[in-house]
C-alpha cells in the first residue's frame, strides 16, 4: 500500500516525468544543388528548394516524414545529444542546437544505369520546433 501511495504522490508532483515526451520539428529546404545526367555527362545543377520534412519524437523513437514524396522513415539514430541521423531518400541529418538540417542522396550516381539516372542532390535548410 505504501508503494501505491508513493507513486500517486510522485505522479501529482511530477506528471511530465510519467508522460512520454513528444517533440515535433518542421524543416524547410532553403538551398538545393546537385548533379543531373545530361548528354552523357554529370552536370552541376541547381534545384528548386521545395522539400519539407517533419521530424518527430514519439514513443521513445525518432522518425522523419518527407511531405513531397510522402516517404516516412523510423531508421534514425542519435549521433550525440544534438545530432540526429535518419535514412530517408538518402541521409537526413539534423542538429537540435542550430536547428539546421541537410539531406544528401548520392546513391543515384553509384547505382546509375543506362535507363536509370536520377539526380544526385544536396539539400540544406532550417527547422522550427512545434
N, C-alpha and C. Protein backbone atom coordinates (compact mmCIF):
# COMPACT_ATOMS: atom_id res chain seq x y z
N UNK A 1 0.81 -1.18 0.00
CA UNK A 1 0.00 0.00 0.00
C UNK A 1 0.87 1.27 0.00
N UNK A 2 1.99 1.22 0.68
CA UNK A 2 2.87 2.38 0.73
C UNK A 2 3.43 2.72 -0.66
N UNK A 3 3.76 1.73 -1.45
CA UNK A 3 4.32 1.96 -2.79
C UNK A 3 3.28 2.64 -3.67
N UNK A 4 2.04 2.20 -3.61
CA UNK A 4 0.98 2.79 -4.41
C UNK A 4 0.78 4.26 -4.04
N UNK A 5 0.78 4.56 -2.76
CA UNK A 5 0.63 5.94 -2.29
C UNK A 5 1.80 6.78 -2.77
N UNK A 6 3.00 6.24 -2.70
CA UNK A 6 4.21 6.93 -3.15
C UNK A 6 4.11 7.26 -4.64
N UNK A 7 3.66 6.31 -5.46
CA UNK A 7 3.53 6.55 -6.90
C UNK A 7 2.47 7.60 -7.22
N UNK A 8 1.38 7.61 -6.48
CA UNK A 8 0.34 8.62 -6.69
C UNK A 8 0.89 10.01 -6.36
N UNK A 9 1.61 10.12 -5.26
CA UNK A 9 2.20 11.40 -4.87
C UNK A 9 3.21 11.87 -5.92
N UNK A 10 4.05 10.95 -6.40
CA UNK A 10 5.02 11.28 -7.44
C UNK A 10 4.33 11.76 -8.72
N UNK A 11 3.27 11.08 -9.11
CA UNK A 11 2.56 11.46 -10.35
C UNK A 11 1.91 12.84 -10.22
N UNK A 12 1.52 13.21 -9.00
CA UNK A 12 0.95 14.54 -8.79
C UNK A 12 2.04 15.62 -8.80
N UNK A 13 3.20 15.30 -8.25
CA UNK A 13 4.28 16.26 -8.18
C UNK A 13 5.02 16.41 -9.51
N UNK A 14 5.19 15.29 -10.24
CA UNK A 14 5.97 15.29 -11.48
C UNK A 14 5.20 14.60 -12.60
N UNK A 15 4.07 15.16 -13.06
CA UNK A 15 3.28 14.50 -14.09
C UNK A 15 4.02 14.36 -15.41
N UNK A 16 4.88 15.32 -15.76
CA UNK A 16 5.60 15.25 -17.04
C UNK A 16 6.59 14.08 -17.05
N UNK A 17 7.10 13.72 -15.91
CA UNK A 17 8.07 12.62 -15.85
C UNK A 17 7.43 11.29 -16.20
N UNK A 18 6.13 11.16 -15.96
CA UNK A 18 5.46 9.89 -16.22
C UNK A 18 4.83 9.83 -17.62
N UNK A 19 4.79 10.98 -18.29
CA UNK A 19 4.23 11.02 -19.64
C UNK A 19 5.38 11.07 -20.63
N UNK A 20 5.32 10.24 -21.67
CA UNK A 20 6.38 10.21 -22.67
C UNK A 20 6.47 11.57 -23.37
N UNK A 21 7.68 12.11 -23.43
CA UNK A 21 7.89 13.39 -24.07
C UNK A 21 7.74 13.24 -25.59
N UNK A 22 6.96 14.15 -26.19
CA UNK A 22 6.82 14.17 -27.64
C UNK A 22 7.37 15.50 -28.14
N UNK A 23 8.12 15.43 -29.24
CA UNK A 23 8.66 16.64 -29.85
C UNK A 23 8.45 16.56 -31.35
N UNK A 24 8.16 17.72 -31.96
CA UNK A 24 7.97 17.77 -33.40
C UNK A 24 8.69 18.99 -33.96
N UNK A 25 9.33 18.80 -35.11
CA UNK A 25 10.00 19.86 -35.83
C UNK A 25 9.51 19.85 -37.27
N UNK A 26 9.35 21.03 -37.85
CA UNK A 26 9.05 21.16 -39.27
C UNK A 26 10.27 21.77 -39.93
N UNK A 27 10.78 21.10 -40.95
CA UNK A 27 12.02 21.52 -41.61
C UNK A 27 11.74 21.89 -43.06
N UNK A 28 12.26 23.04 -43.49
CA UNK A 28 12.06 23.53 -44.86
C UNK A 28 13.40 23.75 -45.54
N UNK A 29 13.49 23.30 -46.78
CA UNK A 29 14.71 23.48 -47.56
C UNK A 29 14.90 24.95 -47.93
N UNK A 30 16.16 25.40 -47.91
CA UNK A 30 16.49 26.76 -48.33
C UNK A 30 17.37 26.75 -49.58
N UNK A 31 18.17 25.71 -49.74
CA UNK A 31 19.07 25.57 -50.88
C UNK A 31 19.04 24.12 -51.35
N UNK A 32 19.18 23.93 -52.66
CA UNK A 32 19.25 22.56 -53.22
C UNK A 32 20.14 22.60 -54.45
N UNK A 33 21.11 21.73 -54.47
CA UNK A 33 22.04 21.64 -55.59
C UNK A 33 22.39 20.19 -55.83
N UNK A 34 23.08 19.92 -56.90
CA UNK A 34 23.48 18.55 -57.18
C UNK A 34 23.93 18.37 -58.60
N UNK A 35 23.72 17.15 -59.13
CA UNK A 35 24.14 16.81 -60.48
C UNK A 35 23.01 16.10 -61.21
N UNK A 36 22.86 16.44 -62.49
CA UNK A 36 21.93 15.76 -63.38
C UNK A 36 22.74 15.11 -64.49
N UNK A 37 22.29 13.96 -64.94
CA UNK A 37 22.95 13.29 -66.06
C UNK A 37 22.33 13.82 -67.36
N UNK A 38 23.13 14.56 -68.13
CA UNK A 38 22.65 15.19 -69.36
C UNK A 38 23.67 14.97 -70.47
N UNK A 39 23.19 14.49 -71.62
CA UNK A 39 24.05 14.29 -72.80
C UNK A 39 25.32 13.49 -72.48
N UNK A 40 25.16 12.44 -71.68
CA UNK A 40 26.28 11.55 -71.38
C UNK A 40 27.24 12.03 -70.32
N UNK A 41 26.88 13.11 -69.61
CA UNK A 41 27.77 13.63 -68.57
C UNK A 41 26.97 14.04 -67.35
N UNK A 42 27.61 13.99 -66.18
CA UNK A 42 27.02 14.50 -64.95
C UNK A 42 27.34 15.99 -64.88
N UNK A 43 26.30 16.83 -64.92
CA UNK A 43 26.49 18.28 -64.90
C UNK A 43 25.90 18.88 -63.63
N UNK A 44 26.63 19.85 -63.09
CA UNK A 44 26.17 20.54 -61.88
C UNK A 44 24.85 21.25 -62.18
N UNK A 45 23.94 21.19 -61.21
CA UNK A 45 22.59 21.73 -61.42
C UNK A 45 22.08 22.35 -60.12
N UNK A 46 21.31 23.42 -60.23
CA UNK A 46 20.60 23.97 -59.06
C UNK A 46 19.17 23.46 -59.14
N UNK A 47 18.62 23.10 -58.00
CA UNK A 47 17.25 22.60 -57.94
C UNK A 47 16.41 23.55 -57.10
N UNK A 48 15.12 23.52 -57.31
CA UNK A 48 14.21 24.34 -56.51
C UNK A 48 14.14 23.76 -55.10
N UNK A 49 14.46 24.57 -54.09
CA UNK A 49 14.46 24.06 -52.71
C UNK A 49 13.05 24.03 -52.13
N UNK A 50 12.28 23.01 -52.48
CA UNK A 50 10.88 22.96 -52.03
C UNK A 50 10.60 21.78 -51.09
N UNK A 51 11.62 21.05 -50.69
CA UNK A 51 11.41 19.90 -49.80
C UNK A 51 11.03 20.37 -48.38
N UNK A 52 10.11 19.63 -47.78
CA UNK A 52 9.70 19.89 -46.39
C UNK A 52 9.65 18.55 -45.65
N UNK A 53 10.08 18.58 -44.39
CA UNK A 53 10.14 17.37 -43.58
C UNK A 53 9.50 17.62 -42.22
N UNK A 54 8.98 16.56 -41.64
CA UNK A 54 8.52 16.59 -40.25
C UNK A 54 9.39 15.60 -39.49
N UNK A 55 10.03 16.07 -38.45
CA UNK A 55 10.85 15.24 -37.58
C UNK A 55 10.09 15.10 -36.28
N UNK A 56 9.91 13.88 -35.81
CA UNK A 56 9.06 13.67 -34.64
C UNK A 56 9.69 12.66 -33.69
N UNK A 57 9.55 12.97 -32.40
CA UNK A 57 9.94 12.04 -31.34
C UNK A 57 8.67 11.62 -30.62
N UNK A 58 8.37 10.34 -30.68
CA UNK A 58 7.16 9.81 -30.05
C UNK A 58 7.40 8.35 -29.70
N UNK A 59 6.85 7.91 -28.62
CA UNK A 59 7.00 6.51 -28.18
C UNK A 59 8.47 6.09 -28.12
N UNK A 60 9.31 6.97 -27.61
CA UNK A 60 10.73 6.72 -27.41
C UNK A 60 11.51 6.47 -28.69
N UNK A 61 11.02 6.98 -29.83
CA UNK A 61 11.72 6.78 -31.10
C UNK A 61 11.58 8.02 -31.98
N UNK A 62 12.59 8.25 -32.81
CA UNK A 62 12.59 9.34 -33.77
C UNK A 62 12.11 8.84 -35.12
N UNK A 63 11.42 9.70 -35.85
CA UNK A 63 11.03 9.39 -37.23
C UNK A 63 11.08 10.68 -38.04
N UNK A 64 11.18 10.52 -39.35
CA UNK A 64 11.18 11.67 -40.26
C UNK A 64 10.24 11.36 -41.42
N UNK A 65 9.49 12.39 -41.82
CA UNK A 65 8.50 12.25 -42.89
C UNK A 65 8.76 13.34 -43.92
N UNK A 66 8.84 12.96 -45.21
CA UNK A 66 9.04 13.93 -46.28
C UNK A 66 7.70 14.20 -46.95
N UNK A 67 7.25 15.45 -46.89
CA UNK A 67 5.94 15.81 -47.44
C UNK A 67 5.87 15.62 -48.95
N UNK A 68 6.93 15.98 -49.66
CA UNK A 68 6.91 15.95 -51.12
C UNK A 68 6.72 14.54 -51.67
N UNK A 69 7.41 13.57 -51.10
CA UNK A 69 7.34 12.18 -51.60
C UNK A 69 6.44 11.30 -50.75
N UNK A 70 5.98 11.83 -49.62
CA UNK A 70 5.18 11.08 -48.66
C UNK A 70 5.93 9.85 -48.12
N UNK A 71 7.27 9.94 -48.12
CA UNK A 71 8.10 8.87 -47.55
C UNK A 71 8.24 9.10 -46.05
N UNK A 72 8.29 8.01 -45.31
CA UNK A 72 8.49 8.09 -43.87
C UNK A 72 9.52 7.05 -43.46
N UNK A 73 10.35 7.42 -42.50
CA UNK A 73 11.37 6.50 -42.02
C UNK A 73 11.51 6.61 -40.52
N UNK A 74 11.66 5.46 -39.89
CA UNK A 74 12.00 5.45 -38.46
C UNK A 74 13.38 4.84 -38.26
N UNK A 75 14.15 4.82 -39.34
CA UNK A 75 15.54 4.35 -39.25
C UNK A 75 16.39 5.56 -38.87
N UNK A 76 16.34 5.90 -37.60
CA UNK A 76 17.01 7.09 -37.08
C UNK A 76 17.86 6.73 -35.88
N UNK A 77 18.94 7.48 -35.71
CA UNK A 77 19.78 7.29 -34.53
C UNK A 77 20.37 8.62 -34.10
N UNK A 78 20.50 8.80 -32.81
CA UNK A 78 21.16 9.98 -32.28
C UNK A 78 22.66 9.77 -32.37
N UNK A 79 23.33 10.67 -33.09
CA UNK A 79 24.78 10.58 -33.21
C UNK A 79 25.44 11.05 -31.92
N UNK A 80 24.87 12.06 -31.32
CA UNK A 80 25.18 12.53 -29.97
C UNK A 80 23.93 13.24 -29.50
N UNK A 81 23.98 13.95 -28.40
CA UNK A 81 22.74 14.53 -27.87
C UNK A 81 22.16 15.63 -28.76
N UNK A 82 22.95 16.18 -29.69
CA UNK A 82 22.48 17.27 -30.54
C UNK A 82 22.23 16.91 -31.99
N UNK A 83 22.67 15.74 -32.45
CA UNK A 83 22.61 15.41 -33.87
C UNK A 83 21.83 14.13 -34.11
N UNK A 84 20.84 14.23 -35.00
CA UNK A 84 20.01 13.09 -35.39
C UNK A 84 20.33 12.74 -36.84
N UNK A 85 20.47 11.44 -37.12
CA UNK A 85 20.74 10.96 -38.47
C UNK A 85 19.67 9.93 -38.83
N UNK A 86 19.01 10.13 -39.99
CA UNK A 86 17.95 9.23 -40.44
C UNK A 86 18.18 8.85 -41.89
N UNK A 87 17.69 7.68 -42.26
CA UNK A 87 17.73 7.24 -43.66
C UNK A 87 16.37 7.48 -44.28
N UNK A 88 16.29 8.45 -45.21
CA UNK A 88 15.05 8.70 -45.94
C UNK A 88 15.42 9.31 -47.28
N UNK A 89 15.26 8.55 -48.33
CA UNK A 89 15.65 9.01 -49.68
C UNK A 89 17.05 9.61 -49.65
N UNK A 90 17.96 8.94 -48.99
CA UNK A 90 19.31 9.42 -48.77
C UNK A 90 19.57 9.52 -47.28
N UNK A 91 20.36 10.50 -46.89
CA UNK A 91 20.72 10.67 -45.48
C UNK A 91 20.26 12.03 -44.99
N UNK A 92 19.41 12.04 -43.98
CA UNK A 92 18.89 13.25 -43.35
C UNK A 92 19.64 13.43 -42.04
N UNK A 93 20.25 14.61 -41.85
CA UNK A 93 20.97 14.92 -40.61
C UNK A 93 20.46 16.25 -40.08
N UNK A 94 20.11 16.27 -38.79
CA UNK A 94 19.61 17.48 -38.16
C UNK A 94 20.37 17.75 -36.86
N UNK A 95 20.68 19.03 -36.64
CA UNK A 95 21.34 19.45 -35.41
C UNK A 95 20.30 20.18 -34.56
N UNK A 96 20.01 19.67 -33.36
CA UNK A 96 19.00 20.26 -32.49
C UNK A 96 19.43 21.60 -31.91
N UNK A 97 20.73 21.85 -31.81
CA UNK A 97 21.22 23.13 -31.27
C UNK A 97 21.07 24.26 -32.28
N UNK A 98 21.43 23.99 -33.54
CA UNK A 98 21.37 25.03 -34.57
C UNK A 98 20.05 25.01 -35.35
N UNK A 99 19.30 23.90 -35.23
CA UNK A 99 18.06 23.68 -35.98
C UNK A 99 18.29 23.69 -37.49
N UNK A 100 19.50 23.35 -37.91
CA UNK A 100 19.82 23.21 -39.34
C UNK A 100 19.76 21.72 -39.71
N UNK A 101 19.49 21.47 -41.01
CA UNK A 101 19.48 20.09 -41.48
C UNK A 101 20.08 20.02 -42.88
N UNK A 102 20.48 18.82 -43.25
CA UNK A 102 20.93 18.56 -44.61
C UNK A 102 20.40 17.20 -45.04
N UNK A 103 20.19 17.07 -46.33
CA UNK A 103 19.81 15.79 -46.92
C UNK A 103 20.74 15.57 -48.09
N UNK A 104 21.38 14.41 -48.12
CA UNK A 104 22.23 14.06 -49.25
C UNK A 104 21.74 12.75 -49.84
N UNK A 105 21.74 12.69 -51.16
CA UNK A 105 21.38 11.46 -51.84
C UNK A 105 22.35 11.26 -53.00
N UNK A 106 23.40 10.48 -52.72
CA UNK A 106 24.42 10.23 -53.73
C UNK A 106 24.29 8.85 -54.37
N UNK A 107 23.38 8.04 -53.87
CA UNK A 107 23.20 6.68 -54.40
C UNK A 107 22.88 6.65 -55.89
N UNK A 108 22.10 7.60 -56.44
CA UNK A 108 21.81 7.53 -57.87
C UNK A 108 23.07 7.53 -58.75
N UNK A 109 24.13 8.19 -58.31
CA UNK A 109 25.38 8.18 -59.07
C UNK A 109 26.01 6.79 -59.04
N UNK A 110 26.07 6.21 -57.86
CA UNK A 110 26.71 4.90 -57.69
C UNK A 110 25.91 3.79 -58.39
N UNK A 111 24.59 3.89 -58.33
CA UNK A 111 23.74 2.84 -58.88
C UNK A 111 23.16 3.17 -60.25
N UNK A 112 23.70 4.19 -60.91
CA UNK A 112 23.11 4.60 -62.19
C UNK A 112 23.33 3.53 -63.25
N UNK A 113 22.36 3.41 -64.11
CA UNK A 113 22.43 2.52 -65.27
C UNK A 113 22.04 3.34 -66.49
N UNK A 114 22.07 2.74 -67.64
CA UNK A 114 21.69 3.48 -68.86
C UNK A 114 20.26 3.98 -68.80
N UNK A 115 19.40 3.24 -68.15
CA UNK A 115 17.99 3.61 -68.09
C UNK A 115 17.61 4.36 -66.83
N UNK A 116 18.42 4.26 -65.80
CA UNK A 116 18.07 4.87 -64.52
C UNK A 116 19.19 5.80 -64.08
N UNK A 117 19.01 7.08 -64.35
CA UNK A 117 20.00 8.07 -63.92
C UNK A 117 19.28 9.22 -63.24
N UNK A 118 18.93 9.00 -61.98
CA UNK A 118 18.27 10.05 -61.20
C UNK A 118 19.30 11.08 -60.75
N UNK A 119 18.83 12.22 -60.32
CA UNK A 119 19.70 13.31 -59.88
C UNK A 119 20.39 12.98 -58.56
N UNK A 120 21.59 13.49 -58.40
CA UNK A 120 22.33 13.44 -57.14
C UNK A 120 22.09 14.78 -56.48
N UNK A 121 21.64 14.77 -55.21
CA UNK A 121 21.14 16.01 -54.61
C UNK A 121 21.73 16.26 -53.22
N UNK A 122 21.93 17.55 -52.93
CA UNK A 122 22.27 18.05 -51.58
C UNK A 122 21.25 19.13 -51.26
N UNK A 123 20.54 18.98 -50.14
CA UNK A 123 19.54 19.94 -49.69
C UNK A 123 19.97 20.48 -48.35
N UNK A 124 19.87 21.81 -48.17
CA UNK A 124 20.19 22.46 -46.90
C UNK A 124 19.00 23.26 -46.44
N UNK A 125 18.76 23.31 -45.14
CA UNK A 125 17.63 24.09 -44.65
C UNK A 125 17.62 24.23 -43.14
N UNK A 126 16.51 24.78 -42.65
CA UNK A 126 16.34 25.00 -41.21
C UNK A 126 15.02 24.44 -40.72
N UNK A 127 14.97 24.18 -39.43
CA UNK A 127 13.79 23.58 -38.80
C UNK A 127 13.22 24.52 -37.74
N UNK A 128 11.94 24.35 -37.47
CA UNK A 128 11.25 25.06 -36.41
C UNK A 128 10.70 24.04 -35.43
N UNK A 129 10.82 24.33 -34.15
CA UNK A 129 10.24 23.46 -33.13
C UNK A 129 8.75 23.78 -33.00
N UNK A 130 7.94 22.76 -32.99
CA UNK A 130 6.48 22.95 -32.89
C UNK A 130 6.03 22.67 -31.47
